[in-house]
PDB file of N, CA and C in Angstrom:
ATOM      1  N   MET A   1     192.932  98.028 152.431  1.00  0.00           N
ATOM      2  CA  MET A   1     193.870  97.094 151.855  1.00  0.00           C
ATOM      3  C   MET A   1     194.685  97.826 150.790  1.00  0.00           C
ATOM      4  N   LYS A   2     195.985  97.710 150.863  1.00  0.00           N
ATOM      5  CA  LYS A   2     196.901  98.373 149.929  1.00  0.00           C
ATOM      6  C   LYS A   2     197.038  97.547 148.644  1.00  0.00           C
ATOM      7  N   ASP A   3     197.548  98.192 147.587  1.00  0.00           N
ATOM      8  CA  ASP A   3     197.696  97.533 146.285  1.00  0.00           C
ATOM      9  C   ASP A   3     198.500  96.237 146.394  1.00  0.00           C
ATOM     10  N   ASN A   4     199.623  96.285 147.118  1.00  0.00           N
ATOM     11  CA  ASN A   4     200.461  95.082 147.205  1.00  0.00           C
ATOM     12  C   ASN A   4     199.753  93.961 147.959  1.00  0.00           C
ATOM     13  N   GLU A   5     198.891  94.304 148.902  1.00  0.00           N
ATOM     14  CA  GLU A   5     198.120  93.282 149.614  1.00  0.00           C
ATOM     15  C   GLU A   5     197.073  92.662 148.694  1.00  0.00           C
ATOM     16  N   ILE A   6     196.454  93.495 147.880  1.00  0.00           N
ATOM     17  CA  ILE A   6     195.463  92.994 146.921  1.00  0.00           C
ATOM     18  C   ILE A   6     196.146  92.070 145.911  1.00  0.00           C
ATOM     19  N   LEU A   7     197.297  92.505 145.403  1.00  0.00           N
ATOM     20  CA  LEU A   7     198.033  91.664 144.446  1.00  0.00           C
ATOM     21  C   LEU A   7     198.466  90.353 145.092  1.00  0.00           C
ATOM     22  N   GLY A   8     198.852  90.400 146.362  1.00  0.00           N
ATOM     23  CA  GLY A   8     199.210  89.175 147.079  1.00  0.00           C
ATOM     24  C   GLY A   8     198.023  88.235 147.189  1.00  0.00           C
ATOM     25  N   GLN A   9     196.850  88.789 147.472  1.00  0.00           N
ATOM     26  CA  GLN A   9     195.642  87.977 147.557  1.00  0.00           C
ATOM     27  C   GLN A   9     195.299  87.384 146.193  1.00  0.00           C
ATOM     28  N   ILE A  10     195.467  88.166 145.136  1.00  0.00           N
ATOM     29  CA  ILE A  10     195.220  87.665 143.783  1.00  0.00           C
ATOM     30  C   ILE A  10     196.138  86.482 143.502  1.00  0.00           C
ATOM     31  N   ASN A  11     197.406  86.609 143.836  1.00  0.00           N
ATOM     32  CA  ASN A  11     198.354  85.510 143.612  1.00  0.00           C
ATOM     33  C   ASN A  11     197.982  84.266 144.407  1.00  0.00           C
ATOM     34  N   GLU A  12     197.521  84.450 145.639  1.00  0.00           N
ATOM     35  CA  GLU A  12     197.101  83.304 146.454  1.00  0.00           C
ATOM     36  C   GLU A  12     195.894  82.604 145.828  1.00  0.00           C
ATOM     37  N   LEU A  13     194.943  83.387 145.333  1.00  0.00           N
ATOM     38  CA  LEU A  13     193.763  82.804 144.703  1.00  0.00           C
ATOM     39  C   LEU A  13     194.133  82.046 143.429  1.00  0.00           C
ATOM     40  N   ILE A  14     195.037  82.596 142.650  1.00  0.00           N
ATOM     41  CA  ILE A  14     195.489  81.925 141.425  1.00  0.00           C
ATOM     42  C   ILE A  14     196.216  80.630 141.776  1.00  0.00           C
ATOM     43  N   ASP A  15     197.058  80.670 142.802  1.00  0.00           N
ATOM     44  CA  ASP A  15     197.760  79.454 143.239  1.00  0.00           C
ATOM     45  C   ASP A  15     196.765  78.386 143.684  1.00  0.00           C
ATOM     46  N   GLU A  16     195.735  78.813 144.414  1.00  0.00           N
ATOM     47  CA  GLU A  16     194.713  77.854 144.851  1.00  0.00           C
ATOM     48  C   GLU A  16     193.974  77.258 143.659  1.00  0.00           C
ATOM     49  N   GLU A  17     193.696  78.089 142.664  1.00  0.00           N
ATOM     50  CA  GLU A  17     193.025  77.603 141.458  1.00  0.00           C
ATOM     51  C   GLU A  17     193.877  76.548 140.758  1.00  0.00           C
ATOM     52  N   HIS A  18     195.171  76.808 140.622  1.00  0.00           N
ATOM     53  CA  HIS A  18     196.073  75.845 139.976  1.00  0.00           C
ATOM     54  C   HIS A  18     196.141  74.553 140.777  1.00  0.00           C
ATOM     55  N   ALA A  19     196.238  74.667 142.098  1.00  0.00           N
ATOM     56  CA  ALA A  19     196.302  73.479 142.955  1.00  0.00           C
ATOM     57  C   ALA A  19     195.011  72.668 142.840  1.00  0.00           C
ATOM     58  N   LEU A  20     193.883  73.361 142.773  1.00  0.00           N
ATOM     59  CA  LEU A  20     192.601  72.678 142.647  1.00  0.00           C
ATOM     60  C   LEU A  20     192.521  71.903 141.336  1.00  0.00           C
ATOM     61  N   ARG A  21     192.999  72.500 140.279  1.00  0.00           N
ATOM     62  CA  ARG A  21     192.974  71.812 138.978  1.00  0.00           C
ATOM     63  C   ARG A  21     193.888  70.573 139.000  1.00  0.00           C
ATOM     64  N   GLN A  22     195.004  70.676 139.705  1.00  0.00           N
ATOM     65  CA  GLN A  22     195.888  69.520 139.857  1.00  0.00           C
ATOM     66  C   GLN A  22     195.221  68.424 140.681  1.00  0.00           C
ATOM     67  N   ARG A  23     194.505  68.826 141.727  1.00  0.00           N
ATOM     68  CA  ARG A  23     193.794  67.852 142.550  1.00  0.00           C
ATOM     69  C   ARG A  23     192.701  67.159 141.743  1.00  0.00           C
ATOM     70  N   LEU A  24     192.043  67.898 140.856  1.00  0.00           N
ATOM     71  CA  LEU A  24     191.028  67.299 139.990  1.00  0.00           C
ATOM     72  C   LEU A  24     191.680  66.273 139.075  1.00  0.00           C
ATOM     73  N   ALA A  25     192.801  66.643 138.472  1.00  0.00           N
ATOM     74  CA  ALA A  25     193.503  65.726 137.572  1.00  0.00           C
ATOM     75  C   ALA A  25     193.976  64.475 138.304  1.00  0.00           C
ATOM     76  N   ALA A  26     194.300  64.612 139.579  1.00  0.00           N
ATOM     77  CA  ALA A  26     194.769  63.477 140.377  1.00  0.00           C
ATOM     78  C   ALA A  26     193.609  62.672 140.962  1.00  0.00           C
ATOM     79  N   GLY A  27     192.376  63.115 140.724  1.00  0.00           N
ATOM     80  CA  GLY A  27     191.207  62.404 141.223  1.00  0.00           C
ATOM     81  C   GLY A  27     190.923  62.641 142.694  1.00  0.00           C
ATOM     82  N   GLU A  28     191.483  63.697 143.254  1.00  0.00           N
ATOM     83  CA  GLU A  28     191.299  63.989 144.678  1.00  0.00           C
ATOM     84  C   GLU A  28     190.014  64.754 144.967  1.00  0.00           C
ATOM     85  N   VAL A  29     189.451  65.403 143.952  1.00  0.00           N
ATOM     86  CA  VAL A  29     188.168  66.094 144.085  1.00  0.00           C
ATOM     87  C   VAL A  29     187.315  65.748 142.876  1.00  0.00           C
ATOM     88  N   THR A  30     186.015  65.885 143.050  1.00  0.00           N
ATOM     89  CA  THR A  30     185.115  65.628 141.931  1.00  0.00           C
ATOM     90  C   THR A  30     185.022  66.867 141.041  1.00  0.00           C
ATOM     91  N   THR A  31     184.514  66.667 139.859  1.00  0.00           N
ATOM     92  CA  THR A  31     184.312  67.773 138.930  1.00  0.00           C
ATOM     93  C   THR A  31     183.361  68.801 139.535  1.00  0.00           C
ATOM     94  N   GLU A  32     182.319  68.325 140.208  1.00  0.00           N
ATOM     95  CA  GLU A  32     181.352  69.233 140.818  1.00  0.00           C
ATOM     96  C   GLU A  32     182.013  70.077 141.910  1.00  0.00           C
ATOM     97  N   GLU A  33     182.844  69.449 142.742  1.00  0.00           N
ATOM     98  CA  GLU A  33     183.559  70.191 143.784  1.00  0.00           C
ATOM     99  C   GLU A  33     184.496  71.223 143.177  1.00  0.00           C
ATOM    100  N   GLU A  34     185.184  70.803 142.133  1.00  0.00           N
ATOM    101  CA  GLU A  34     186.121  71.708 141.463  1.00  0.00           C
ATOM    102  C   GLU A  34     185.379  72.894 140.862  1.00  0.00           C
ATOM    103  N   HIS A  35     184.264  72.638 140.179  1.00  0.00           N
ATOM    104  CA  HIS A  35     183.504  73.721 139.551  1.00  0.00           C
ATOM    105  C   HIS A  35     182.967  74.708 140.589  1.00  0.00           C
ATOM    106  N   ALA A  36     182.467  74.187 141.701  1.00  0.00           N
ATOM    107  CA  ALA A  36     181.921  75.062 142.739  1.00  0.00           C
ATOM    108  C   ALA A  36     183.015  75.953 143.329  1.00  0.00           C
ATOM    109  N   ARG A  37     184.175  75.371 143.604  1.00  0.00           N
ATOM    110  CA  ARG A  37     185.251  76.165 144.196  1.00  0.00           C
ATOM    111  C   ARG A  37     185.834  77.136 143.177  1.00  0.00           C
ATOM    112  N   ILE A  38     185.958  76.713 141.921  1.00  0.00           N
ATOM    113  CA  ILE A  38     186.467  77.595 140.868  1.00  0.00           C
ATOM    114  C   ILE A  38     185.551  78.812 140.728  1.00  0.00           C
ATOM    115  N   LYS A  39     184.247  78.599 140.773  1.00  0.00           N
ATOM    116  CA  LYS A  39     183.300  79.717 140.677  1.00  0.00           C
ATOM    117  C   LYS A  39     183.553  80.705 141.813  1.00  0.00           C
ATOM    118  N   SER A  40     183.726  80.203 143.003  1.00  0.00           N
ATOM    119  CA  SER A  40     183.986  81.058 144.157  1.00  0.00           C
ATOM    120  C   SER A  40     185.317  81.800 144.010  1.00  0.00           C
ATOM    121  N   LEU A  41     186.345  81.090 143.549  1.00  0.00           N
ATOM    122  CA  LEU A  41     187.651  81.716 143.326  1.00  0.00           C
ATOM    123  C   LEU A  41     187.560  82.820 142.284  1.00  0.00           C
ATOM    124  N   GLU A  42     186.841  82.563 141.194  1.00  0.00           N
ATOM    125  CA  GLU A  42     186.694  83.565 140.136  1.00  0.00           C
ATOM    126  C   GLU A  42     185.973  84.805 140.652  1.00  0.00           C
ATOM    127  N   GLU A  43     184.960  84.616 141.494  1.00  0.00           N
ATOM    128  CA  GLU A  43     184.260  85.760 142.073  1.00  0.00           C
ATOM    129  C   GLU A  43     185.197  86.569 142.974  1.00  0.00           C
ATOM    130  N   ASP A  44     185.971  85.855 143.791  1.00  0.00           N
ATOM    131  CA  ASP A  44     186.934  86.540 144.663  1.00  0.00           C
ATOM    132  C   ASP A  44     187.978  87.291 143.845  1.00  0.00           C
ATOM    133  N   LEU A  45     188.448  86.667 142.766  1.00  0.00           N
ATOM    134  CA  LEU A  45     189.420  87.329 141.891  1.00  0.00           C
ATOM    135  C   LEU A  45     188.823  88.577 141.252  1.00  0.00           C
ATOM    136  N   ASP A  46     187.602  88.469 140.773  1.00  0.00           N
ATOM    137  CA  ASP A  46     186.946  89.621 140.154  1.00  0.00           C
ATOM    138  C   ASP A  46     186.811  90.772 141.144  1.00  0.00           C
ATOM    139  N   ARG A  47     186.477  90.459 142.389  1.00  0.00           N
ATOM    140  CA  ARG A  47     186.351  91.503 143.412  1.00  0.00           C
ATOM    141  C   ARG A  47     187.706  92.148 143.698  1.00  0.00           C
ATOM    142  N   CYS A  48     188.760  91.338 143.742  1.00  0.00           N
ATOM    143  CA  CYS A  48     190.103  91.889 143.973  1.00  0.00           C
ATOM    144  C   CYS A  48     190.515  92.813 142.832  1.00  0.00           C
ATOM    145  N   TRP A  49     190.316  92.348 141.592  1.00  0.00           N
ATOM    146  CA  TRP A  49     190.686  93.176 140.444  1.00  0.00           C
ATOM    147  C   TRP A  49     189.874  94.464 140.422  1.00  0.00           C
ATOM    148  N   ASP A  50     188.587  94.372 140.771  1.00  0.00           N
ATOM    149  CA  ASP A  50     187.737  95.553 140.814  1.00  0.00           C
ATOM    150  C   ASP A  50     188.256  96.547 141.855  1.00  0.00           C
ATOM    151  N   LEU A  51     188.610  96.049 143.028  1.00  0.00           N
ATOM    152  CA  LEU A  51     189.123  96.930 144.072  1.00  0.00           C
ATOM    153  C   LEU A  51     190.433  97.578 143.642  1.00  0.00           C
ATOM    154  N   LEU A  52     191.299  96.814 143.003  1.00  0.00           N
ATOM    155  CA  LEU A  52     192.564  97.363 142.524  1.00  0.00           C
ATOM    156  C   LEU A  52     192.321  98.451 141.476  1.00  0.00           C
ATOM    157  N   ARG A  53     191.373  98.221 140.553  1.00  0.00           N
ATOM    158  CA  ARG A  53     191.039  99.234 139.553  1.00  0.00           C
ATOM    159  C   ARG A  53     190.456 100.488 140.207  1.00  0.00           C
ATOM    160  N   GLN A  54     189.616 100.302 141.205  1.00  0.00           N
ATOM    161  CA  GLN A  54     189.061 101.456 141.923  1.00  0.00           C
ATOM    162  C   GLN A  54     190.179 102.277 142.565  1.00  0.00           C
ATOM    163  N   ARG A  55     191.114 101.590 143.227  1.00  0.00           N
ATOM    164  CA  ARG A  55     192.220 102.285 143.889  1.00  0.00           C
ATOM    165  C   ARG A  55     193.045 103.070 142.874  1.00  0.00           C
ATOM    166  N   ARG A  56     193.310 102.464 141.729  1.00  0.00           N
ATOM    167  CA  ARG A  56     194.094 103.143 140.692  1.00  0.00           C
ATOM    168  C   ARG A  56     193.333 104.337 140.132  1.00  0.00           C
ATOM    169  N   ALA A  57     192.031 104.201 139.973  1.00  0.00           N
ATOM    170  CA  ALA A  57     191.216 105.310 139.460  1.00  0.00           C
ATOM    171  C   ALA A  57     191.219 106.472 140.453  1.00  0.00           C
ATOM    172  N   HIS A  58     191.076 106.159 141.724  1.00  0.00           N
ATOM    173  CA  HIS A  58     191.138 107.220 142.744  1.00  0.00           C
ATOM    174  C   HIS A  58     192.486 107.933 142.683  1.00  0.00           C
ATOM    175  N   ARG A  59     193.539 107.161 142.597  1.00  0.00           N
ATOM    176  CA  ARG A  59     194.891 107.728 142.563  1.00  0.00           C
ATOM    177  C   ARG A  59     195.077 108.598 141.329  1.00  0.00           C
ATOM    178  N   ASN A  60     194.555 108.154 140.175  1.00  0.00           N
ATOM    179  CA  ASN A  60     194.721 108.887 138.915  1.00  0.00           C
ATOM    180  C   ASN A  60     194.052 110.253 138.913  1.00  0.00           C
ATOM    181  N   VAL A  61     193.024 110.418 139.728  1.00  0.00           N
ATOM    182  CA  VAL A  61     192.345 111.713 139.788  1.00  0.00           C
ATOM    183  C   VAL A  61     192.722 112.490 141.047  1.00  0.00           C
ATOM    184  N   GLY A  62     193.784 112.050 141.710  1.00  0.00           N
ATOM    185  CA  GLY A  62     194.299 112.775 142.860  1.00  0.00           C
ATOM    186  C   GLY A  62     193.564 112.527 144.163  1.00  0.00           C
ATOM    187  N   GLU A  63     192.753 111.493 144.206  1.00  0.00           N
ATOM    188  CA  GLU A  63     192.032 111.154 145.426  1.00  0.00           C
ATOM    189  C   GLU A  63     192.782 110.076 146.203  1.00  0.00           C
ATOM    190  N   ASP A  64     192.393 109.882 147.444  1.00  0.00           N
ATOM    191  CA  ASP A  64     192.996 108.875 148.306  1.00  0.00           C
ATOM    192  C   ASP A  64     192.524 107.488 147.873  1.00  0.00           C
ATOM    193  N   PRO A  65     193.434 106.610 147.464  1.00  0.00           N
ATOM    194  CA  PRO A  65     193.026 105.267 147.039  1.00  0.00           C
ATOM    195  C   PRO A  65     192.389 104.457 148.156  1.00  0.00           C
ATOM    196  N   ASP A  66     192.644 104.845 149.406  1.00  0.00           N
ATOM    197  CA  ASP A  66     192.034 104.133 150.527  1.00  0.00           C
ATOM    198  C   ASP A  66     190.533 104.382 150.626  1.00  0.00           C
ATOM    199  N   ASN A  67     190.012 105.304 149.822  1.00  0.00           N
ATOM    200  CA  ASN A  67     188.564 105.528 149.779  1.00  0.00           C
ATOM    201  C   ASN A  67     187.851 104.446 148.971  1.00  0.00           C
ATOM    202  N   ALA A  68     188.600 103.652 148.220  1.00  0.00           N
ATOM    203  CA  ALA A  68     188.004 102.555 147.457  1.00  0.00           C
ATOM    204  C   ALA A  68     187.540 101.477 148.435  1.00  0.00           C
ATOM    205  N   ALA A  69     186.458 100.827 148.087  1.00  0.00           N
ATOM    206  CA  ALA A  69     185.912  99.786 148.948  1.00  0.00           C
ATOM    207  C   ALA A  69     185.496  98.582 148.109  1.00  0.00           C
ATOM    208  N   PRO A  70     185.658  97.393 148.673  1.00  0.00           N
ATOM    209  CA  PRO A  70     185.211  96.197 147.940  1.00  0.00           C
ATOM    210  C   PRO A  70     183.711  96.267 147.668  1.00  0.00           C
ATOM    211  N   ARG A  71     183.348  95.864 146.471  1.00  0.00           N
ATOM    212  CA  ARG A  71     181.936  95.841 146.107  1.00  0.00           C
ATOM    213  C   ARG A  71     181.419  94.413 146.252  1.00  0.00           C
ATOM    214  N   PRO A  72     180.115  94.256 146.435  1.00  0.00           N
ATOM    215  CA  PRO A  72     179.563  92.900 146.563  1.00  0.00           C
ATOM    216  C   PRO A  72     179.688  92.125 145.246  1.00  0.00           C
ATOM    217  N   VAL A  73     179.736  90.810 145.387  1.00  0.00           N
ATOM    218  CA  VAL A  73     179.842  89.932 144.212  1.00  0.00           C
ATOM    219  C   VAL A  73     178.727  90.229 143.223  1.00  0.00           C
ATOM    220  N   SER A  74     177.521  90.445 143.734  1.00  0.00           N
ATOM    221  CA  SER A  74     176.380  90.682 142.839  1.00  0.00           C
ATOM    222  C   SER A  74     176.606  91.895 141.940  1.00  0.00           C
ATOM    223  N   GLU A  75     177.285  92.895 142.442  1.00  0.00           N
ATOM    224  CA  GLU A  75     177.562  94.088 141.644  1.00  0.00           C
ATOM    225  C   GLU A  75     178.703  93.850 140.660  1.00  0.00           C
ATOM    226  N   VAL A  76     179.782  93.268 141.147  1.00  0.00           N
ATOM    227  CA  VAL A  76     180.972  93.055 140.308  1.00  0.00           C
ATOM    228  C   VAL A  76     180.691  92.064 139.189  1.00  0.00           C
ATOM    229  N   GLU A  77     179.941  91.026 139.485  1.00  0.00           N
ATOM    230  CA  GLU A  77     179.683  89.983 138.492  1.00  0.00           C
ATOM    231  C   GLU A  77     178.650  90.389 137.440  1.00  0.00           C
ATOM    232  N   ASN A  78     177.964  91.490 137.649  1.00  0.00           N
ATOM    233  CA  ASN A  78     176.952  91.911 136.689  1.00  0.00           C
ATOM    234  C   ASN A  78     177.345  93.104 135.846  1.00  0.00           C
ATOM    235  N   TYR A  79     178.632  93.451 135.856  1.00  0.00           N
ATOM    236  CA  TYR A  79     179.101  94.530 134.997  1.00  0.00           C
ATOM    237  C   TYR A  79     178.957  94.134 133.542  1.00  0.00           C
ATOM    238  N   LEU A  80     178.612  95.107 132.724  1.00  0.00           N
ATOM    239  CA  LEU A  80     178.569  94.871 131.280  1.00  0.00           C
ATOM    240  C   LEU A  80     179.955  95.144 130.731  1.00  0.00           C
ATOM    241  N   GLN A  81     180.409  94.300 129.819  1.00  0.00           N
ATOM    242  CA  GLN A  81     181.752  94.475 129.274  1.00  0.00           C
ATOM    243  C   GLN A  81     181.691  94.926 127.852  1.00  0.00           C
TER     244      GLN A  81
END
């Protein structure tokens, strides 16, 4: 997946998050449904950002950014900040 494809996916996930929050405000989904989907969206976003950072790091050291690979949610979500 190329950088522009990853950024496109990030934008789609953000748009879905905004739409979900609007649906919650309109009473179309429950708070529990919204929270569950938001958690999933946040995990997907974190994985996308991680992959984009990996690609940039590979590029910065002269390596092929296509060598970057998506990491599992369990790994990405447990990074120490």
